[in-house]
């Protein structure tokens, strides 16, 4: 089963914007999350390093958007 992720903003803004930039690297699950942040899985072959950027930090979450304890 794939890990679910959400994100938190780092407070830094880039000229291209903020948040998830490359949607070919993630699969958004609109049926999960608390409505304020999407819950998504990484696309096949993608890693956290491919998705994380200076504006966000990924958090491993349950399907309800609740942050999971660190592994």
PDB file of N, CA and C in Angstrom:
ATOM      1  N   UNK A   1       0.839  -1.178   0.000  1.00  0.00           N
ATOM      2  CA  UNK A   1       0.000   0.000   0.000  1.00  0.00           C
ATOM      3  C   UNK A   1       0.891   1.250   0.000  1.00  0.00           C
ATOM      4  N   UNK A   2       0.555   2.211  -0.804  1.00  0.00           N
ATOM      5  CA  UNK A   2       1.356   3.435  -0.939  1.00  0.00           C
ATOM      6  C   UNK A   2       1.174   4.343   0.269  1.00  0.00           C
ATOM      7  N   UNK A   3       2.241   5.053   0.608  1.00  0.00           N
ATOM      8  CA  UNK A   3       2.156   6.040   1.686  1.00  0.00           C
ATOM      9  C   UNK A   3       1.352   7.243   1.224  1.00  0.00           C
ATOM     10  N   UNK A   4       0.597   7.818   2.148  1.00  0.00           N
ATOM     11  CA  UNK A   4      -0.145   9.048   1.886  1.00  0.00           C
ATOM     12  C   UNK A   4       0.637  10.221   2.440  1.00  0.00           C
ATOM     13  N   UNK A   5       0.603  11.342   1.736  1.00  0.00           N
ATOM     14  CA  UNK A   5       1.314  12.539   2.150  1.00  0.00           C
ATOM     15  C   UNK A   5       0.389  13.748   2.088  1.00  0.00           C
ATOM     16  N   UNK A   6       0.699  14.734   2.875  1.00  0.00           N
ATOM     17  CA  UNK A   6       0.155  16.068   2.749  1.00  0.00           C
ATOM     18  C   UNK A   6       1.356  16.995   2.893  1.00  0.00           C
ATOM     19  N   UNK A   7       1.155  18.249   3.154  1.00  0.00           N
ATOM     20  CA  UNK A   7       2.292  19.161   3.227  1.00  0.00           C
ATOM     21  C   UNK A   7       2.031  20.281   4.217  1.00  0.00           C
ATOM     22  N   UNK A   8       3.090  20.934   4.609  1.00  0.00           N
ATOM     23  CA  UNK A   8       2.971  22.172   5.365  1.00  0.00           C
ATOM     24  C   UNK A   8       3.861  23.187   4.675  1.00  0.00           C
ATOM     25  N   UNK A   9       3.440  24.441   4.710  1.00  0.00           N
ATOM     26  CA  UNK A   9       4.208  25.503   4.083  1.00  0.00           C
ATOM     27  C   UNK A   9       5.395  25.872   4.955  1.00  0.00           C
ATOM     28  N   UNK A  10       6.508  26.169   4.320  1.00  0.00           N
ATOM     29  CA  UNK A  10       7.712  26.562   5.048  1.00  0.00           C
ATOM     30  C   UNK A  10       7.736  28.058   5.345  1.00  0.00           C
ATOM     31  N   UNK A  11       6.890  28.822   4.667  1.00  0.00           N
ATOM     32  CA  UNK A  11       6.877  30.272   4.837  1.00  0.00           C
ATOM     33  C   UNK A  11       7.684  30.997   3.780  1.00  0.00           C
ATOM     34  N   UNK A  12       8.364  30.237   2.932  1.00  0.00           N
ATOM     35  CA  UNK A  12       9.158  30.836   1.863  1.00  0.00           C
ATOM     36  C   UNK A  12       8.336  30.850   0.574  1.00  0.00           C
ATOM     37  N   UNK A  13       8.391  31.936  -0.159  1.00  0.00           N
ATOM     38  CA  UNK A  13       7.688  32.042  -1.434  1.00  0.00           C
ATOM     39  C   UNK A  13       8.720  32.146  -2.553  1.00  0.00           C
ATOM     40  N   UNK A  14       8.481  31.444  -3.629  1.00  0.00           N
ATOM     41  CA  UNK A  14       9.339  31.505  -4.809  1.00  0.00           C
ATOM     42  C   UNK A  14       8.610  32.309  -5.886  1.00  0.00           C
ATOM     43  N   UNK A  15       9.336  32.794  -6.870  1.00  0.00           N
ATOM     44  CA  UNK A  15       8.706  33.606  -7.915  1.00  0.00           C
ATOM     45  C   UNK A  15       7.679  32.816  -8.720  1.00  0.00           C
ATOM     46  N   UNK A  16       7.828  31.484  -8.775  1.00  0.00           N
ATOM     47  CA  UNK A  16       6.875  30.653  -9.509  1.00  0.00           C
ATOM     48  C   UNK A  16       5.666  30.286  -8.668  1.00  0.00           C
ATOM     49  N   UNK A  17       5.646  30.644  -7.402  1.00  0.00           N
ATOM     50  CA  UNK A  17       4.498  30.358  -6.556  1.00  0.00           C
ATOM     51  C   UNK A  17       4.885  29.515  -5.362  1.00  0.00           C
ATOM     52  N   UNK A  18       3.950  28.689  -4.928  1.00  0.00           N
ATOM     53  CA  UNK A  18       4.181  27.866  -3.747  1.00  0.00           C
ATOM     54  C   UNK A  18       3.439  26.547  -3.894  1.00  0.00           C
ATOM     55  N   UNK A  19       3.839  25.570  -3.102  1.00  0.00           N
ATOM     56  CA  UNK A  19       3.102  24.312  -3.050  1.00  0.00           C
ATOM     57  C   UNK A  19       3.585  23.276  -4.036  1.00  0.00           C
ATOM     58  N   UNK A  20       2.719  22.331  -4.356  1.00  0.00           N
ATOM     59  CA  UNK A  20       3.061  21.254  -5.270  1.00  0.00           C
ATOM     60  C   UNK A  20       3.143  21.808  -6.680  1.00  0.00           C
ATOM     61  N   UNK A  21       4.263  21.626  -7.306  1.00  0.00           N
ATOM     62  CA  UNK A  21       4.507  22.235  -8.613  1.00  0.00           C
ATOM     63  C   UNK A  21       4.352  21.245  -9.748  1.00  0.00           C
ATOM     64  N   UNK A  22       4.791  20.015  -9.576  1.00  0.00           N
ATOM     65  CA  UNK A  22       4.804  19.036 -10.653  1.00  0.00           C
ATOM     66  C   UNK A  22       3.784  17.935 -10.378  1.00  0.00           C
ATOM     67  N   UNK A  23       2.600  18.099 -10.919  1.00  0.00           N
ATOM     68  CA  UNK A  23       1.538  17.124 -10.667  1.00  0.00           C
ATOM     69  C   UNK A  23       1.754  15.791 -11.373  1.00  0.00           C
ATOM     70  N   UNK A  24       2.789  15.676 -12.199  1.00  0.00           N
ATOM     71  CA  UNK A  24       3.103  14.367 -12.774  1.00  0.00           C
ATOM     72  C   UNK A  24       3.801  13.487 -11.749  1.00  0.00           C
ATOM     73  N   UNK A  25       4.206  14.075 -10.614  1.00  0.00           N
ATOM     74  CA  UNK A  25       4.905  13.329  -9.571  1.00  0.00           C
ATOM     75  C   UNK A  25       3.985  12.880  -8.442  1.00  0.00           C
ATOM     76  N   UNK A  26       2.741  13.359  -8.423  1.00  0.00           N
ATOM     77  CA  UNK A  26       1.814  13.003  -7.341  1.00  0.00           C
ATOM     78  C   UNK A  26       0.457  12.608  -7.901  1.00  0.00           C
ATOM     79  N   UNK A  27      -0.258  11.813  -7.113  1.00  0.00           N
ATOM     80  CA  UNK A  27      -1.630  11.454  -7.438  1.00  0.00           C
ATOM     81  C   UNK A  27      -2.483  11.993  -6.297  1.00  0.00           C
ATOM     82  N   UNK A  28      -3.248  13.044  -6.570  1.00  0.00           N
ATOM     83  CA  UNK A  28      -4.098  13.674  -5.559  1.00  0.00           C
ATOM     84  C   UNK A  28      -5.307  12.781  -5.317  1.00  0.00           C
ATOM     85  N   UNK A  29      -5.646  12.577  -4.048  1.00  0.00           N
ATOM     86  CA  UNK A  29      -6.826  11.790  -3.694  1.00  0.00           C
ATOM     87  C   UNK A  29      -7.873  12.742  -3.135  1.00  0.00           C
ATOM     88  N   UNK A  30      -8.840  13.171  -3.961  1.00  0.00           N
ATOM     89  CA  UNK A  30      -9.835  14.147  -3.515  1.00  0.00           C
ATOM     90  C   UNK A  30     -10.790  13.615  -2.451  1.00  0.00           C
ATOM     91  N   UNK A  31     -10.823  12.301  -2.255  1.00  0.00           N
ATOM     92  CA  UNK A  31     -11.737  11.713  -1.268  1.00  0.00           C
ATOM     93  C   UNK A  31     -11.161  11.704   0.137  1.00  0.00           C
ATOM     94  N   UNK A  32      -9.920  12.143   0.310  1.00  0.00           N
ATOM     95  CA  UNK A  32      -9.274  12.119   1.619  1.00  0.00           C
ATOM     96  C   UNK A  32      -8.716  13.488   1.959  1.00  0.00           C
ATOM     97  N   UNK A  33      -8.475  13.711   3.223  1.00  0.00           N
ATOM     98  CA  UNK A  33      -7.937  14.977   3.687  1.00  0.00           C
ATOM     99  C   UNK A  33      -8.987  15.767   4.445  1.00  0.00           C
ATOM    100  N   UNK A  34      -8.533  16.826   5.076  1.00  0.00           N
ATOM    101  CA  UNK A  34      -9.451  17.618   5.894  1.00  0.00           C
ATOM    102  C   UNK A  34     -10.031  18.807   5.138  1.00  0.00           C
ATOM    103  N   UNK A  35      -9.761  18.912   3.859  1.00  0.00           N
ATOM    104  CA  UNK A  35     -10.287  19.995   3.048  1.00  0.00           C
ATOM    105  C   UNK A  35      -9.348  21.181   2.932  1.00  0.00           C
ATOM    106  N   UNK A  36      -8.431  21.338   3.873  1.00  0.00           N
ATOM    107  CA  UNK A  36      -7.502  22.464   3.810  1.00  0.00           C
ATOM    108  C   UNK A  36      -6.230  22.100   3.059  1.00  0.00           C
ATOM    109  N   UNK A  37      -5.875  20.827   3.053  1.00  0.00           N
ATOM    110  CA  UNK A  37      -4.691  20.350   2.351  1.00  0.00           C
ATOM    111  C   UNK A  37      -5.047  19.030   1.690  1.00  0.00           C
ATOM    112  N   UNK A  38      -4.619  18.818   0.453  1.00  0.00           N
ATOM    113  CA  UNK A  38      -4.917  17.538  -0.177  1.00  0.00           C
ATOM    114  C   UNK A  38      -4.073  16.418   0.410  1.00  0.00           C
ATOM    115  N   UNK A  39      -4.595  15.220   0.298  1.00  0.00           N
ATOM    116  CA  UNK A  39      -3.825  14.021   0.603  1.00  0.00           C
ATOM    117  C   UNK A  39      -3.470  13.407  -0.749  1.00  0.00           C
ATOM    118  N   UNK A  40      -2.232  12.987  -0.894  1.00  0.00           N
ATOM    119  CA  UNK A  40      -1.787  12.437  -2.164  1.00  0.00           C
ATOM    120  C   UNK A  40      -0.787  11.326  -1.929  1.00  0.00           C
ATOM    121  N   UNK A  41      -0.584  10.527  -2.972  1.00  0.00           N
ATOM    122  CA  UNK A  41       0.482   9.531  -2.990  1.00  0.00           C
ATOM    123  C   UNK A  41       1.471   9.957  -4.060  1.00  0.00           C
ATOM    124  N   UNK A  42       2.670   9.474  -3.954  1.00  0.00           N
ATOM    125  CA  UNK A  42       3.677   9.764  -4.974  1.00  0.00           C
ATOM    126  C   UNK A  42       3.387   8.917  -6.210  1.00  0.00           C
ATOM    127  N   UNK A  43       3.557   9.503  -7.373  1.00  0.00           N
ATOM    128  CA  UNK A  43       3.378   8.761  -8.615  1.00  0.00           C
ATOM    129  C   UNK A  43       4.472   7.698  -8.710  1.00  0.00           C
ATOM    130  N   UNK A  44       4.217   6.684  -9.506  1.00  0.00           N
ATOM    131  CA  UNK A  44       5.190   5.599  -9.651  1.00  0.00           C
ATOM    132  C   UNK A  44       6.544   6.150 -10.061  1.00  0.00           C
ATOM    133  N   UNK A  45       7.568   5.772  -9.332  1.00  0.00           N
ATOM    134  CA  UNK A  45       8.919   6.204  -9.618  1.00  0.00           C
ATOM    135  C   UNK A  45       9.316   7.531  -8.980  1.00  0.00           C
ATOM    136  N   UNK A  46       8.354   8.268  -8.427  1.00  0.00           N
ATOM    137  CA  UNK A  46       8.659   9.557  -7.795  1.00  0.00           C
ATOM    138  C   UNK A  46       9.091   9.347  -6.345  1.00  0.00           C
ATOM    139  N   UNK A  47       9.914  10.264  -5.852  1.00  0.00           N
ATOM    140  CA  UNK A  47      10.359  10.228  -4.464  1.00  0.00           C
ATOM    141  C   UNK A  47       9.982  11.537  -3.791  1.00  0.00           C
ATOM    142  N   UNK A  48      10.084  11.570  -2.461  1.00  0.00           N
ATOM    143  CA  UNK A  48       9.813  12.797  -1.714  1.00  0.00           C
ATOM    144  C   UNK A  48      10.700  13.923  -2.241  1.00  0.00           C
ATOM    145  N   UNK A  49      11.950  13.625  -2.543  1.00  0.00           N
ATOM    146  CA  UNK A  49      12.882  14.646  -3.046  1.00  0.00           C
ATOM    147  C   UNK A  49      12.415  15.242  -4.375  1.00  0.00           C
ATOM    148  N   UNK A  50      11.667  14.485  -5.175  1.00  0.00           N
ATOM    149  CA  UNK A  50      11.153  14.991  -6.447  1.00  0.00           C
ATOM    150  C   UNK A  50      10.038  16.018  -6.248  1.00  0.00           C
ATOM    151  N   UNK A  51       9.344  15.919  -5.127  1.00  0.00           N
ATOM    152  CA  UNK A  51       8.148  16.731  -4.901  1.00  0.00           C
ATOM    153  C   UNK A  51       8.398  17.898  -3.956  1.00  0.00           C
ATOM    154  N   UNK A  52       9.161  17.653  -2.897  1.00  0.00           N
ATOM    155  CA  UNK A  52       9.427  18.697  -1.919  1.00  0.00           C
ATOM    156  C   UNK A  52      10.175  19.846  -2.590  1.00  0.00           C
ATOM    157  N   UNK A  53       9.880  21.049  -2.164  1.00  0.00           N
ATOM    158  CA  UNK A  53      10.550  22.225  -2.712  1.00  0.00           C
ATOM    159  C   UNK A  53      10.704  23.255  -1.596  1.00  0.00           C
ATOM    160  N   UNK A  54      11.333  24.398  -1.863  1.00  0.00           N
ATOM    161  CA  UNK A  54      11.594  25.353  -0.776  1.00  0.00           C
ATOM    162  C   UNK A  54      10.337  25.900  -0.085  1.00  0.00           C
ATOM    163  N   UNK A  55       9.166  25.723  -0.704  1.00  0.00           N
ATOM    164  CA  UNK A  55       7.949  26.297  -0.124  1.00  0.00           C
ATOM    165  C   UNK A  55       7.154  25.321   0.728  1.00  0.00           C
ATOM    166  N   UNK A  56       7.421  24.018   0.581  1.00  0.00           N
ATOM    167  CA  UNK A  56       6.660  23.019   1.332  1.00  0.00           C
ATOM    168  C   UNK A  56       7.566  21.934   1.900  1.00  0.00           C
ATOM    169  N   UNK A  57       7.087  21.311   2.959  1.00  0.00           N
ATOM    170  CA  UNK A  57       7.689  20.116   3.528  1.00  0.00           C
ATOM    171  C   UNK A  57       6.602  19.061   3.567  1.00  0.00           C
ATOM    172  N   UNK A  58       6.901  17.879   3.054  1.00  0.00           N
ATOM    173  CA  UNK A  58       5.893  16.815   3.043  1.00  0.00           C
ATOM    174  C   UNK A  58       5.771  16.186   4.422  1.00  0.00           C
ATOM    175  N   UNK A  59       4.549  15.776   4.738  1.00  0.00           N
ATOM    176  CA  UNK A  59       4.270  15.056   5.979  1.00  0.00           C
ATOM    177  C   UNK A  59       3.550  13.768   5.612  1.00  0.00           C
ATOM    178  N   UNK A  60       4.003  12.645   6.162  1.00  0.00           N
ATOM    179  CA  UNK A  60       3.310  11.381   5.945  1.00  0.00           C
ATOM    180  C   UNK A  60       2.040  11.419   6.786  1.00  0.00           C
ATOM    181  N   UNK A  61       0.897  11.171   6.170  1.00  0.00           N
ATOM    182  CA  UNK A  61      -0.390  11.281   6.857  1.00  0.00           C
ATOM    183  C   UNK A  61      -1.259  10.067   6.591  1.00  0.00           C
ATOM    184  N   UNK A  62      -2.276   9.913   7.428  1.00  0.00           N
ATOM    185  CA  UNK A  62      -3.311   8.921   7.171  1.00  0.00           C
ATOM    186  C   UNK A  62      -4.279   9.474   6.141  1.00  0.00           C
ATOM    187  N   UNK A  63      -5.218   8.671   5.694  1.00  0.00           N
ATOM    188  CA  UNK A  63      -6.157   9.119   4.670  1.00  0.00           C
ATOM    189  C   UNK A  63      -7.056  10.252   5.161  1.00  0.00           C
ATOM    190  N   UNK A  64      -7.129  10.452   6.482  1.00  0.00           N
ATOM    191  CA  UNK A  64      -7.928  11.548   7.025  1.00  0.00           C
ATOM    192  C   UNK A  64      -7.116  12.832   7.178  1.00  0.00           C
ATOM    193  N   UNK A  65      -5.866  12.834   6.709  1.00  0.00           N
ATOM    194  CA  UNK A  65      -5.031  14.018   6.769  1.00  0.00           C
ATOM    195  C   UNK A  65      -4.292  14.199   8.068  1.00  0.00           C
ATOM    196  N   UNK A  66      -4.465  13.280   9.025  1.00  0.00           N
ATOM    197  CA  UNK A  66      -3.797  13.387  10.313  1.00  0.00           C
ATOM    198  C   UNK A  66      -2.344  12.932  10.175  1.00  0.00           C
ATOM    199  N   UNK A  67      -1.415  13.737  10.658  1.00  0.00           N
ATOM    200  CA  UNK A  67       0.003  13.394  10.569  1.00  0.00           C
ATOM    201  C   UNK A  67       0.293  12.119  11.334  1.00  0.00           C
ATOM    202  N   UNK A  68       1.040  11.225  10.712  1.00  0.00           N
ATOM    203  CA  UNK A  68       1.400   9.966  11.343  1.00  0.00           C
ATOM    204  C   UNK A  68       2.694  10.114  12.128  1.00  0.00           C
ATOM    205  N   UNK A  69       2.871   9.281  13.107  1.00  0.00           N
ATOM    206  CA  UNK A  69       4.118   9.278  13.863  1.00  0.00           C
ATOM    207  C   UNK A  69       5.267   8.897  12.956  1.00  0.00           C
ATOM    208  N   UNK A  70       6.448   9.415  13.209  1.00  0.00           N
ATOM    209  CA  UNK A  70       7.615   9.095  12.380  1.00  0.00           C
ATOM    210  C   UNK A  70       7.928   7.608  12.453  1.00  0.00           C
ATOM    211  N   UNK A  71       8.432   7.097  11.352  1.00  0.00           N
ATOM    212  CA  UNK A  71       8.811   5.665  11.303  1.00  0.00           C
ATOM    213  C   UNK A  71      10.050   5.453  12.143  1.00  0.00           C
TER     214      UNK A  71
END
